Amino acid sequence: MRHVTIYTTDKEYSHFLELAQNLHYVKKIETDEEPTKEEIISNLKKGFEQMQLIKKGKAKTTSLNDFLNEL
């Protein structure tokens, strides 16, 4: 499989992306789009919910040493 990088203007970006998605031979499209405000808020809420579960002992944590060893 080959990889292509294309630089385009913001004005033409959405049109090009739509065209690429409709090509039957395009298997995957990766973009560098910034997350929307809603996505950021949703991710923060999920993080706070996870933190609350950890504080209540209902979610498992990983020690810093284990985390660093996985890297």
PDB file of N, CA and C in Angstrom:
ATOM      1  N   MET A   1       0.849  -1.169   0.000  1.00  0.00           N
ATOM      2  CA  MET A   1       0.000   0.000   0.000  1.00  0.00           C
ATOM      3  C   MET A   1       0.897   1.235   0.000  1.00  0.00           C
ATOM      4  N   ARG A   2       0.497   2.247  -0.747  1.00  0.00           N
ATOM      5  CA  ARG A   2       1.270   3.477  -0.865  1.00  0.00           C
ATOM      6  C   ARG A   2       0.660   4.583  -0.015  1.00  0.00           C
ATOM      7  N   HIS A   3       1.447   5.580   0.290  1.00  0.00           N
ATOM      8  CA  HIS A   3       1.033   6.695   1.150  1.00  0.00           C
ATOM      9  C   HIS A   3       1.223   7.997   0.374  1.00  0.00           C
ATOM     10  N   VAL A   4       0.242   8.898   0.445  1.00  0.00           N
ATOM     11  CA  VAL A   4       0.312  10.184  -0.244  1.00  0.00           C
ATOM     12  C   VAL A   4       0.021  11.295   0.757  1.00  0.00           C
ATOM     13  N   THR A   5       0.812  12.355   0.715  1.00  0.00           N
ATOM     14  CA  THR A   5       0.554  13.542   1.529  1.00  0.00           C
ATOM     15  C   THR A   5       0.186  14.680   0.596  1.00  0.00           C
ATOM     16  N   ILE A   6      -0.933  15.332   0.875  1.00  0.00           N
ATOM     17  CA  ILE A   6      -1.413  16.418   0.022  1.00  0.00           C
ATOM     18  C   ILE A   6      -1.618  17.658   0.880  1.00  0.00           C
ATOM     19  N   TYR A   7      -1.119  18.777   0.416  1.00  0.00           N
ATOM     20  CA  TYR A   7      -1.332  20.059   1.079  1.00  0.00           C
ATOM     21  C   TYR A   7      -2.320  20.858   0.239  1.00  0.00           C
ATOM     22  N   THR A   8      -3.379  21.336   0.859  1.00  0.00           N
ATOM     23  CA  THR A   8      -4.396  22.099   0.146  1.00  0.00           C
ATOM     24  C   THR A   8      -4.878  23.253   1.018  1.00  0.00           C
ATOM     25  N   THR A   9      -5.560  24.189   0.407  1.00  0.00           N
ATOM     26  CA  THR A   9      -6.071  25.334   1.166  1.00  0.00           C
ATOM     27  C   THR A   9      -7.279  24.913   1.989  1.00  0.00           C
ATOM     28  N   ASP A  10      -7.579  25.680   3.016  1.00  0.00           N
ATOM     29  CA  ASP A  10      -8.757  25.398   3.840  1.00  0.00           C
ATOM     30  C   ASP A  10     -10.026  25.434   3.004  1.00  0.00           C
ATOM     31  N   LYS A  11     -10.062  26.334   2.048  1.00  0.00           N
ATOM     32  CA  LYS A  11     -11.246  26.494   1.201  1.00  0.00           C
ATOM     33  C   LYS A  11     -11.534  25.221   0.398  1.00  0.00           C
ATOM     34  N   GLU A  12     -10.492  24.576  -0.095  1.00  0.00           N
ATOM     35  CA  GLU A  12     -10.648  23.394  -0.947  1.00  0.00           C
ATOM     36  C   GLU A  12     -10.607  22.082  -0.169  1.00  0.00           C
ATOM     37  N   TYR A  13     -10.244  22.136   1.099  1.00  0.00           N
ATOM     38  CA  TYR A  13     -10.018  20.939   1.905  1.00  0.00           C
ATOM     39  C   TYR A  13     -11.236  20.020   1.967  1.00  0.00           C
ATOM     40  N   SER A  14     -12.379  20.558   2.369  1.00  0.00           N
ATOM     41  CA  SER A  14     -13.559  19.702   2.549  1.00  0.00           C
ATOM     42  C   SER A  14     -14.004  19.092   1.227  1.00  0.00           C
ATOM     43  N   HIS A  15     -13.884  19.844   0.145  1.00  0.00           N
ATOM     44  CA  HIS A  15     -14.262  19.305  -1.169  1.00  0.00           C
ATOM     45  C   HIS A  15     -13.328  18.157  -1.558  1.00  0.00           C
ATOM     46  N   PHE A  16     -12.025  18.351  -1.367  1.00  0.00           N
ATOM     47  CA  PHE A  16     -11.077  17.296  -1.700  1.00  0.00           C
ATOM     48  C   PHE A  16     -11.298  16.062  -0.845  1.00  0.00           C
ATOM     49  N   LEU A  17     -11.546  16.263   0.438  1.00  0.00           N
ATOM     50  CA  LEU A  17     -11.775  15.138   1.345  1.00  0.00           C
ATOM     51  C   LEU A  17     -12.997  14.337   0.911  1.00  0.00           C
ATOM     52  N   GLU A  18     -14.045  15.028   0.511  1.00  0.00           N
ATOM     53  CA  GLU A  18     -15.257  14.354   0.034  1.00  0.00           C
ATOM     54  C   GLU A  18     -14.967  13.545  -1.227  1.00  0.00           C
ATOM     55  N   LEU A  19     -14.199  14.111  -2.138  1.00  0.00           N
ATOM     56  CA  LEU A  19     -13.833  13.379  -3.355  1.00  0.00           C
ATOM     57  C   LEU A  19     -13.021  12.126  -3.021  1.00  0.00           C
ATOM     58  N   ALA A  20     -12.047  12.264  -2.145  1.00  0.00           N
ATOM     59  CA  ALA A  20     -11.192  11.130  -1.789  1.00  0.00           C
ATOM     60  C   ALA A  20     -11.988  10.020  -1.122  1.00  0.00           C
ATOM     61  N   GLN A  21     -12.969  10.372  -0.291  1.00  0.00           N
ATOM     62  CA  GLN A  21     -13.777   9.365   0.394  1.00  0.00           C
ATOM     63  C   GLN A  21     -14.647   8.581  -0.581  1.00  0.00           C
ATOM     64  N   ASN A  22     -14.944   9.153  -1.727  1.00  0.00           N
ATOM     65  CA  ASN A  22     -15.791   8.483  -2.707  1.00  0.00           C
ATOM     66  C   ASN A  22     -15.016   7.641  -3.710  1.00  0.00           C
ATOM     67  N   LEU A  23     -13.700   7.618  -3.617  1.00  0.00           N
ATOM     68  CA  LEU A  23     -12.895   6.776  -4.498  1.00  0.00           C
ATOM     69  C   LEU A  23     -12.870   5.360  -3.935  1.00  0.00           C
ATOM     70  N   HIS A  24     -13.273   4.395  -4.733  1.00  0.00           N
ATOM     71  CA  HIS A  24     -13.397   3.021  -4.237  1.00  0.00           C
ATOM     72  C   HIS A  24     -12.063   2.411  -3.816  1.00  0.00           C
ATOM     73  N   TYR A  25     -10.969   2.895  -4.366  1.00  0.00           N
ATOM     74  CA  TYR A  25      -9.670   2.314  -4.055  1.00  0.00           C
ATOM     75  C   TYR A  25      -8.970   2.987  -2.871  1.00  0.00           C
ATOM     76  N   VAL A  26      -9.557   4.024  -2.293  1.00  0.00           N
ATOM     77  CA  VAL A  26      -8.979   4.665  -1.112  1.00  0.00           C
ATOM     78  C   VAL A  26      -9.393   3.856   0.110  1.00  0.00           C
ATOM     79  N   LYS A  27      -8.415   3.309   0.811  1.00  0.00           N
ATOM     80  CA  LYS A  27      -8.689   2.427   1.946  1.00  0.00           C
ATOM     81  C   LYS A  27      -8.755   3.172   3.274  1.00  0.00           C
ATOM     82  N   LYS A  28      -7.976   4.239   3.421  1.00  0.00           N
ATOM     83  CA  LYS A  28      -7.907   4.933   4.707  1.00  0.00           C
ATOM     84  C   LYS A  28      -7.561   6.395   4.462  1.00  0.00           C
ATOM     85  N   ILE A  29      -8.238   7.275   5.198  1.00  0.00           N
ATOM     86  CA  ILE A  29      -7.938   8.702   5.113  1.00  0.00           C
ATOM     87  C   ILE A  29      -7.605   9.193   6.513  1.00  0.00           C
ATOM     88  N   GLU A  30      -6.408   9.761   6.666  1.00  0.00           N
ATOM     89  CA  GLU A  30      -5.996  10.335   7.940  1.00  0.00           C
ATOM     90  C   GLU A  30      -5.889  11.838   7.755  1.00  0.00           C
ATOM     91  N   THR A  31      -6.440  12.584   8.691  1.00  0.00           N
ATOM     92  CA  THR A  31      -6.368  14.038   8.606  1.00  0.00           C
ATOM     93  C   THR A  31      -5.719  14.591   9.866  1.00  0.00           C
ATOM     94  N   ASP A  32      -5.321  15.827   9.786  1.00  0.00           N
ATOM     95  CA  ASP A  32      -4.723  16.479  10.954  1.00  0.00           C
ATOM     96  C   ASP A  32      -5.674  17.532  11.514  1.00  0.00           C
ATOM     97  N   GLU A  33      -6.952  17.255  11.423  1.00  0.00           N
ATOM     98  CA  GLU A  33      -7.955  18.198  11.894  1.00  0.00           C
ATOM     99  C   GLU A  33      -7.858  18.381  13.405  1.00  0.00           C
ATOM    100  N   GLU A  34      -8.085  19.592  13.839  1.00  0.00           N
ATOM    101  CA  GLU A  34      -8.123  19.898  15.262  1.00  0.00           C
ATOM    102  C   GLU A  34      -9.438  19.382  15.834  1.00  0.00           C
ATOM    103  N   PRO A  35      -9.433  18.899  17.065  1.00  0.00           N
ATOM    104  CA  PRO A  35     -10.696  18.444  17.663  1.00  0.00           C
ATOM    105  C   PRO A  35     -11.646  19.623  17.859  1.00  0.00           C
ATOM    106  N   THR A  36     -12.934  19.351  17.744  1.00  0.00           N
ATOM    107  CA  THR A  36     -13.932  20.394  17.950  1.00  0.00           C
ATOM    108  C   THR A  36     -14.062  20.690  19.441  1.00  0.00           C
ATOM    109  N   LYS A  37     -14.682  21.801  19.755  1.00  0.00           N
ATOM    110  CA  LYS A  37     -14.903  22.176  21.153  1.00  0.00           C
ATOM    111  C   LYS A  37     -15.710  21.096  21.862  1.00  0.00           C
ATOM    112  N   GLU A  38     -16.706  20.533  21.171  1.00  0.00           N
ATOM    113  CA  GLU A  38     -17.540  19.485  21.758  1.00  0.00           C
ATOM    114  C   GLU A  38     -16.721  18.238  22.061  1.00  0.00           C
ATOM    115  N   GLU A  39     -15.797  17.873  21.145  1.00  0.00           N
ATOM    116  CA  GLU A  39     -14.954  16.698  21.369  1.00  0.00           C
ATOM    117  C   GLU A  39     -14.025  16.911  22.563  1.00  0.00           C
ATOM    118  N   ILE A  40     -13.486  18.112  22.683  1.00  0.00           N
ATOM    119  CA  ILE A  40     -12.600  18.415  23.809  1.00  0.00           C
ATOM    120  C   ILE A  40     -13.362  18.315  25.124  1.00  0.00           C
ATOM    121  N   ILE A  41     -14.549  18.910  25.167  1.00  0.00           N
ATOM    122  CA  ILE A  41     -15.366  18.871  26.384  1.00  0.00           C
ATOM    123  C   ILE A  41     -15.751  17.437  26.729  1.00  0.00           C
ATOM    124  N   SER A  42     -16.121  16.653  25.715  1.00  0.00           N
ATOM    125  CA  SER A  42     -16.492  15.258  25.939  1.00  0.00           C
ATOM    126  C   SER A  42     -15.317  14.466  26.510  1.00  0.00           C
ATOM    127  N   ASN A  43     -14.136  14.669  25.957  1.00  0.00           N
ATOM    128  CA  ASN A  43     -12.949  13.962  26.446  1.00  0.00           C
ATOM    129  C   ASN A  43     -12.602  14.367  27.871  1.00  0.00           C
ATOM    130  N   LEU A  44     -12.752  15.654  28.184  1.00  0.00           N
ATOM    131  CA  LEU A  44     -12.503  16.104  29.558  1.00  0.00           C
ATOM    132  C   LEU A  44     -13.490  15.473  30.530  1.00  0.00           C
ATOM    133  N   LYS A  45     -14.764  15.410  30.142  1.00  0.00           N
ATOM    134  CA  LYS A  45     -15.780  14.796  31.001  1.00  0.00           C
ATOM    135  C   LYS A  45     -15.460  13.329  31.257  1.00  0.00           C
ATOM    136  N   LYS A  46     -15.053  12.618  30.203  1.00  0.00           N
ATOM    137  CA  LYS A  46     -14.697  11.206  30.362  1.00  0.00           C
ATOM    138  C   LYS A  46     -13.513  11.055  31.315  1.00  0.00           C
ATOM    139  N   GLY A  47     -12.537  11.959  31.201  1.00  0.00           N
ATOM    140  CA  GLY A  47     -11.381  11.917  32.088  1.00  0.00           C
ATOM    141  C   GLY A  47     -11.764  12.143  33.540  1.00  0.00           C
ATOM    142  N   PHE A  48     -12.645  13.124  33.776  1.00  0.00           N
ATOM    143  CA  PHE A  48     -13.093  13.394  35.145  1.00  0.00           C
ATOM    144  C   PHE A  48     -13.913  12.228  35.696  1.00  0.00           C
ATOM    145  N   GLU A  49     -14.744  11.620  34.851  1.00  0.00           N
ATOM    146  CA  GLU A  49     -15.520  10.457  35.294  1.00  0.00           C
ATOM    147  C   GLU A  49     -14.589   9.311  35.668  1.00  0.00           C
ATOM    148  N   GLN A  50     -13.559   9.096  34.852  1.00  0.00           N
ATOM    149  CA  GLN A  50     -12.584   8.044  35.142  1.00  0.00           C
ATOM    150  C   GLN A  50     -11.863   8.337  36.455  1.00  0.00           C
ATOM    151  N   MET A  51     -11.506   9.603  36.668  1.00  0.00           N
ATOM    152  CA  MET A  51     -10.839   9.994  37.903  1.00  0.00           C
ATOM    153  C   MET A  51     -11.729   9.722  39.119  1.00  0.00           C
ATOM    154  N   GLN A  52     -13.004  10.004  39.014  1.00  0.00           N
ATOM    155  CA  GLN A  52     -13.933   9.749  40.118  1.00  0.00           C
ATOM    156  C   GLN A  52     -14.028   8.251  40.415  1.00  0.00           C
ATOM    157  N   LEU A  53     -14.063   7.426  39.366  1.00  0.00           N
ATOM    158  CA  LEU A  53     -14.108   5.972  39.559  1.00  0.00           C
ATOM    159  C   LEU A  53     -12.849   5.477  40.263  1.00  0.00           C
ATOM    160  N   ILE A  54     -11.715   6.041  39.901  1.00  0.00           N
ATOM    161  CA  ILE A  54     -10.453   5.650  40.539  1.00  0.00           C
ATOM    162  C   ILE A  54     -10.469   6.041  42.012  1.00  0.00           C
ATOM    163  N   LYS A  55     -10.939   7.251  42.306  1.00  0.00           N
ATOM    164  CA  LYS A  55     -11.003   7.704  43.704  1.00  0.00           C
ATOM    165  C   LYS A  55     -11.919   6.825  44.539  1.00  0.00           C
ATOM    166  N   LYS A  56     -12.993   6.314  43.934  1.00  0.00           N
ATOM    167  CA  LYS A  56     -13.943   5.455  44.647  1.00  0.00           C
ATOM    168  C   LYS A  56     -13.476   4.002  44.694  1.00  0.00           C
ATOM    169  N   GLY A  57     -12.359   3.702  44.029  1.00  0.00           N
ATOM    170  CA  GLY A  57     -11.844   2.344  44.015  1.00  0.00           C
ATOM    171  C   GLY A  57     -12.555   1.436  43.033  1.00  0.00           C
ATOM    172  N   LYS A  58     -13.290   2.003  42.094  1.00  0.00           N
ATOM    173  CA  LYS A  58     -14.054   1.203  41.133  1.00  0.00           C
ATOM    174  C   LYS A  58     -13.330   1.036  39.800  1.00  0.00           C
ATOM    175  N   ALA A  59     -12.176   1.659  39.658  1.00  0.00           N
ATOM    176  CA  ALA A  59     -11.388   1.513  38.435  1.00  0.00           C
ATOM    177  C   ALA A  59      -9.939   1.249  38.827  1.00  0.00           C
ATOM    178  N   LYS A  60      -9.259   0.468  38.005  1.00  0.00           N
ATOM    179  CA  LYS A  60      -7.887   0.085  38.280  1.00  0.00           C
ATOM    180  C   LYS A  60      -6.929   1.130  37.706  1.00  0.00           C
ATOM    181  N   THR A  61      -5.846   1.384  38.424  1.00  0.00           N
ATOM    182  CA  THR A  61      -4.819   2.307  37.951  1.00  0.00           C
ATOM    183  C   THR A  61      -3.549   1.541  37.628  1.00  0.00           C
ATOM    184  N   THR A  62      -2.626   2.212  36.985  1.00  0.00           N
ATOM    185  CA  THR A  62      -1.326   1.643  36.667  1.00  0.00           C
ATOM    186  C   THR A  62      -0.265   2.471  37.373  1.00  0.00           C
ATOM    187  N   SER A  63       0.688   1.809  37.991  1.00  0.00           N
ATOM    188  CA  SER A  63       1.748   2.559  38.672  1.00  0.00           C
ATOM    189  C   SER A  63       2.619   3.261  37.635  1.00  0.00           C
ATOM    190  N   LEU A  64       3.292   4.318  38.059  1.00  0.00           N
ATOM    191  CA  LEU A  64       4.155   5.068  37.156  1.00  0.00           C
ATOM    192  C   LEU A  64       5.259   4.180  36.604  1.00  0.00           C
ATOM    193  N   ASN A  65       5.841   3.328  37.445  1.00  0.00           N
ATOM    194  CA  ASN A  65       6.902   2.432  36.982  1.00  0.00           C
ATOM    195  C   ASN A  65       6.399   1.484  35.905  1.00  0.00           C
ATOM    196  N   ASP A  66       5.217   0.899  36.104  1.00  0.00           N
ATOM    197  CA  ASP A  66       4.654   0.000  35.095  1.00  0.00           C
ATOM    198  C   ASP A  66       4.382   0.749  33.795  1.00  0.00           C
ATOM    199  N   PHE A  67       3.851   1.957  33.923  1.00  0.00           N
ATOM    200  CA  PHE A  67       3.569   2.768  32.742  1.00  0.00           C
ATOM    201  C   PHE A  67       4.848   3.061  31.967  1.00  0.00           C
ATOM    202  N   LEU A  68       5.889   3.494  32.680  1.00  0.00           N
ATOM    203  CA  LEU A  68       7.153   3.818  32.023  1.00  0.00           C
ATOM    204  C   LEU A  68       7.809   2.580  31.429  1.00  0.00           C
ATOM    205  N   ASN A  69       7.664   1.429  32.069  1.00  0.00           N
ATOM    206  CA  ASN A  69       8.238   0.194  31.536  1.00  0.00           C
ATOM    207  C   ASN A  69       7.566  -0.231  30.239  1.00  0.00           C
ATOM    208  N   GLU A  70       6.306   0.139  30.070  1.00  0.00           N
ATOM    209  CA  GLU A  70       5.598  -0.207  28.836  1.00  0.00           C
ATOM    210  C   GLU A  70       6.087   0.612  27.656  1.00  0.00           C
ATOM    211  N   LEU A  71       6.672   1.778  27.945  1.00  0.00           N
ATOM    212  CA  LEU A  71       7.200   2.626  26.874  1.00  0.00           C
ATOM    213  C   LEU A  71       8.474   2.032  26.376  1.00  0.00           C
TER     214      LEU A  71
END
